[in-house]
Amino acid sequence: MTKPLPQDKIREIRQHFEFFDRDHNGAIDADEFAQLLKAIEPKAKPAECLRGFREVDSDHDGQIDFAEFLTWWQKTWWQF
């Protein structure tokens, strides 16, 4: 179980989410997620980006909402 994050950290993570939500619709789609992954790992291949997107999109609705993003961030980037 992940440890609860302080509100200031959640605000910081939301800023990252909003930066990659390029169309500002409140969700990150597969293309936006690919841009995020390529910012982290420029050599990421399209298939890897799509696989990552499908993992993070836990409700399989074709988009990543902030709750899904926050869960992923906590699992993946907790040390930062």
N, C-alpha and C. Protein backbone atom coordinates (compact mmCIF):
# COMPACT_ATOMS: atom_id res chain seq x y z
N MET A 1 0.84 -1.19 0.00
CA MET A 1 0.00 0.00 0.00
C MET A 1 0.88 1.24 0.00
N THR A 2 0.53 2.21 -0.83
CA THR A 2 1.32 3.42 -0.91
C THR A 2 0.96 4.38 0.21
N LYS A 3 1.95 5.13 0.63
CA LYS A 3 1.78 6.10 1.71
C LYS A 3 1.05 7.33 1.17
N PRO A 4 0.11 7.90 1.95
CA PRO A 4 -0.59 9.10 1.49
C PRO A 4 0.40 10.24 1.22
N LEU A 5 0.14 10.99 0.18
CA LEU A 5 1.01 12.10 -0.18
C LEU A 5 0.52 13.39 0.46
N PRO A 6 1.46 14.27 0.81
CA PRO A 6 1.05 15.59 1.30
C PRO A 6 0.39 16.39 0.17
N GLN A 7 -0.48 17.31 0.53
CA GLN A 7 -1.23 18.10 -0.45
C GLN A 7 -0.32 18.87 -1.40
N ASP A 8 0.81 19.38 -0.91
CA ASP A 8 1.70 20.13 -1.79
C ASP A 8 2.30 19.23 -2.87
N LYS A 9 2.56 17.97 -2.55
CA LYS A 9 3.07 17.02 -3.53
C LYS A 9 1.98 16.67 -4.55
N ILE A 10 0.74 16.51 -4.08
CA ILE A 10 -0.37 16.23 -5.00
C ILE A 10 -0.55 17.40 -5.96
N ARG A 11 -0.45 18.63 -5.47
CA ARG A 11 -0.56 19.80 -6.35
C ARG A 11 0.55 19.79 -7.41
N GLU A 12 1.75 19.42 -6.99
CA GLU A 12 2.88 19.35 -7.93
C GLU A 12 2.62 18.29 -9.02
N ILE A 13 2.12 17.14 -8.61
CA ILE A 13 1.82 16.07 -9.57
C ILE A 13 0.69 16.51 -10.50
N ARG A 14 -0.30 17.22 -9.97
CA ARG A 14 -1.39 17.72 -10.82
C ARG A 14 -0.85 18.68 -11.88
N GLN A 15 0.14 19.48 -11.53
CA GLN A 15 0.75 20.38 -12.51
C GLN A 15 1.38 19.59 -13.66
N HIS A 16 2.04 18.49 -13.33
CA HIS A 16 2.62 17.62 -14.37
C HIS A 16 1.50 17.06 -15.24
N PHE A 17 0.44 16.59 -14.60
CA PHE A 17 -0.71 16.04 -15.33
C PHE A 17 -1.27 17.09 -16.29
N GLU A 18 -1.49 18.28 -15.79
CA GLU A 18 -2.08 19.34 -16.61
C GLU A 18 -1.16 19.75 -17.75
N PHE A 19 0.15 19.69 -17.53
CA PHE A 19 1.10 20.03 -18.59
C PHE A 19 0.96 19.07 -19.78
N PHE A 20 0.81 17.78 -19.49
CA PHE A 20 0.71 16.79 -20.56
C PHE A 20 -0.71 16.62 -21.09
N ASP A 21 -1.69 17.14 -20.39
CA ASP A 21 -3.07 17.16 -20.89
C ASP A 21 -3.18 18.35 -21.85
N ARG A 22 -2.61 18.19 -23.02
CA ARG A 22 -2.43 19.29 -23.98
C ARG A 22 -3.75 19.93 -24.43
N ASP A 23 -4.81 19.15 -24.53
CA ASP A 23 -6.08 19.72 -24.96
C ASP A 23 -6.95 20.18 -23.79
N HIS A 24 -6.42 20.04 -22.57
CA HIS A 24 -7.07 20.53 -21.35
C HIS A 24 -8.49 20.01 -21.17
N ASN A 25 -8.68 18.72 -21.48
CA ASN A 25 -10.00 18.12 -21.31
C ASN A 25 -10.12 17.34 -20.00
N GLY A 26 -9.08 17.40 -19.16
CA GLY A 26 -9.13 16.72 -17.87
C GLY A 26 -8.67 15.28 -17.92
N ALA A 27 -8.13 14.85 -19.07
CA ALA A 27 -7.66 13.48 -19.21
C ALA A 27 -6.47 13.46 -20.18
N ILE A 28 -5.66 12.44 -20.04
CA ILE A 28 -4.52 12.25 -20.93
C ILE A 28 -4.86 11.09 -21.86
N ASP A 29 -4.81 11.37 -23.17
CA ASP A 29 -5.08 10.30 -24.14
C ASP A 29 -3.77 9.60 -24.52
N ALA A 30 -3.86 8.63 -25.40
CA ALA A 30 -2.69 7.82 -25.75
C ALA A 30 -1.58 8.67 -26.36
N ASP A 31 -1.93 9.62 -27.21
CA ASP A 31 -0.91 10.48 -27.83
C ASP A 31 -0.23 11.37 -26.80
N GLU A 32 -1.01 11.94 -25.89
CA GLU A 32 -0.44 12.78 -24.84
C GLU A 32 0.46 11.96 -23.92
N PHE A 33 0.04 10.73 -23.62
CA PHE A 33 0.86 9.86 -22.77
C PHE A 33 2.16 9.51 -23.48
N ALA A 34 2.11 9.28 -24.79
CA ALA A 34 3.32 8.99 -25.55
C ALA A 34 4.28 10.18 -25.47
N GLN A 35 3.77 11.40 -25.53
CA GLN A 35 4.62 12.58 -25.40
C GLN A 35 5.26 12.64 -24.02
N LEU A 36 4.49 12.29 -23.00
CA LEU A 36 5.02 12.25 -21.64
C LEU A 36 6.16 11.24 -21.54
N LEU A 37 5.94 10.02 -22.04
CA LEU A 37 6.98 9.00 -21.95
C LEU A 37 8.21 9.38 -22.76
N LYS A 38 8.01 10.00 -23.92
CA LYS A 38 9.15 10.40 -24.74
C LYS A 38 9.94 11.54 -24.08
N ALA A 39 9.28 12.34 -23.26
CA ALA A 39 9.99 13.37 -22.51
C ALA A 39 10.89 12.72 -21.45
N ILE A 40 10.43 11.61 -20.90
CA ILE A 40 11.20 10.88 -19.89
C ILE A 40 12.25 10.00 -20.54
N GLU A 41 11.84 9.30 -21.60
CA GLU A 41 12.73 8.36 -22.31
C GLU A 41 12.59 8.60 -23.81
N PRO A 42 13.46 9.46 -24.37
CA PRO A 42 13.34 9.82 -25.78
C PRO A 42 13.36 8.63 -26.75
N LYS A 43 13.93 7.53 -26.36
CA LYS A 43 14.01 6.36 -27.24
C LYS A 43 12.80 5.44 -27.12
N ALA A 44 11.80 5.84 -26.35
CA ALA A 44 10.60 5.01 -26.18
C ALA A 44 9.93 4.78 -27.54
N LYS A 45 9.62 3.54 -27.81
CA LYS A 45 8.99 3.17 -29.08
C LYS A 45 7.46 3.28 -28.94
N PRO A 46 6.77 3.50 -30.06
CA PRO A 46 5.31 3.64 -30.01
C PRO A 46 4.62 2.47 -29.31
N ALA A 47 5.07 1.25 -29.55
CA ALA A 47 4.45 0.08 -28.91
C ALA A 47 4.64 0.12 -27.39
N GLU A 48 5.80 0.59 -26.94
CA GLU A 48 6.05 0.71 -25.50
C GLU A 48 5.15 1.78 -24.89
N CYS A 49 4.99 2.87 -25.61
CA CYS A 49 4.11 3.94 -25.12
C CYS A 49 2.67 3.45 -25.00
N LEU A 50 2.21 2.73 -26.00
CA LEU A 50 0.85 2.22 -25.98
C LEU A 50 0.66 1.20 -24.86
N ARG A 51 1.64 0.34 -24.67
CA ARG A 51 1.57 -0.65 -23.58
C ARG A 51 1.51 0.07 -22.23
N GLY A 52 2.35 1.09 -22.05
CA GLY A 52 2.32 1.86 -20.81
C GLY A 52 0.99 2.55 -20.60
N PHE A 53 0.46 3.13 -21.66
CA PHE A 53 -0.84 3.80 -21.58
C PHE A 53 -1.91 2.82 -21.12
N ARG A 54 -1.94 1.65 -21.71
CA ARG A 54 -2.96 0.66 -21.35
C ARG A 54 -2.83 0.20 -19.91
N GLU A 55 -1.60 0.16 -19.41
CA GLU A 55 -1.39 -0.20 -18.00
C GLU A 55 -1.93 0.87 -17.06
N VAL A 56 -1.66 2.12 -17.38
CA VAL A 56 -2.08 3.22 -16.51
C VAL A 56 -3.58 3.45 -16.59
N ASP A 57 -4.16 3.25 -17.76
CA ASP A 57 -5.61 3.41 -17.97
C ASP A 57 -6.34 2.22 -17.33
N SER A 58 -6.41 2.23 -16.02
CA SER A 58 -6.89 1.05 -15.28
C SER A 58 -8.37 0.75 -15.51
N ASP A 59 -9.17 1.75 -15.86
CA ASP A 59 -10.59 1.46 -16.12
C ASP A 59 -10.87 1.24 -17.62
N HIS A 60 -9.82 1.28 -18.42
CA HIS A 60 -9.88 0.96 -19.85
C HIS A 60 -10.91 1.78 -20.62
N ASP A 61 -10.99 3.08 -20.28
CA ASP A 61 -11.92 3.95 -21.00
C ASP A 61 -11.24 4.76 -22.10
N GLY A 62 -9.97 4.46 -22.35
CA GLY A 62 -9.26 5.14 -23.43
C GLY A 62 -8.64 6.47 -23.05
N GLN A 63 -8.63 6.76 -21.75
CA GLN A 63 -7.99 7.98 -21.27
C GLN A 63 -7.52 7.78 -19.85
N ILE A 64 -6.56 8.60 -19.45
CA ILE A 64 -6.03 8.53 -18.09
C ILE A 64 -6.52 9.77 -17.35
N ASP A 65 -7.33 9.55 -16.32
CA ASP A 65 -7.78 10.67 -15.50
C ASP A 65 -6.75 10.93 -14.41
N PHE A 66 -6.97 11.98 -13.63
CA PHE A 66 -5.96 12.33 -12.64
C PHE A 66 -5.78 11.25 -11.59
N ALA A 67 -6.83 10.58 -11.18
CA ALA A 67 -6.71 9.52 -10.17
C ALA A 67 -5.80 8.40 -10.68
N GLU A 68 -5.97 8.01 -11.94
CA GLU A 68 -5.12 6.97 -12.52
C GLU A 68 -3.67 7.46 -12.63
N PHE A 69 -3.52 8.71 -13.03
CA PHE A 69 -2.19 9.30 -13.16
C PHE A 69 -1.49 9.35 -11.80
N LEU A 70 -2.23 9.77 -10.78
CA LEU A 70 -1.67 9.86 -9.43
C LEU A 70 -1.24 8.49 -8.93
N THR A 71 -2.05 7.48 -9.14
CA THR A 71 -1.70 6.11 -8.74
C THR A 71 -0.43 5.67 -9.44
N TRP A 72 -0.35 5.90 -10.76
CA TRP A 72 0.84 5.54 -11.54
C TRP A 72 2.06 6.29 -11.03
N TRP A 73 1.89 7.58 -10.79
CA TRP A 73 3.00 8.41 -10.32
C TRP A 73 3.53 7.88 -8.99
N GLN A 74 2.63 7.54 -8.08
CA GLN A 74 3.04 7.03 -6.77
C GLN A 74 3.79 5.71 -6.91
N LYS A 75 3.34 4.85 -7.79
CA LYS A 75 3.99 3.55 -7.98
C LYS A 75 5.33 3.68 -8.68
N THR A 76 5.42 4.61 -9.63
CA THR A 76 6.57 4.71 -10.50
C THR A 76 7.60 5.74 -10.04
N TRP A 77 7.13 6.87 -9.56
CA TRP A 77 8.02 8.00 -9.29
C TRP A 77 8.04 8.40 -7.82
N TRP A 78 7.61 7.54 -6.93
CA TRP A 78 7.50 7.89 -5.50
C TRP A 78 8.79 8.46 -4.93
N GLN A 79 9.95 8.03 -5.42
CA GLN A 79 11.22 8.47 -4.86
C GLN A 79 11.56 9.90 -5.25
N PHE A 80 10.88 10.45 -6.25
CA PHE A 80 11.17 11.81 -6.68
C PHE A 80 10.24 12.75 -5.97
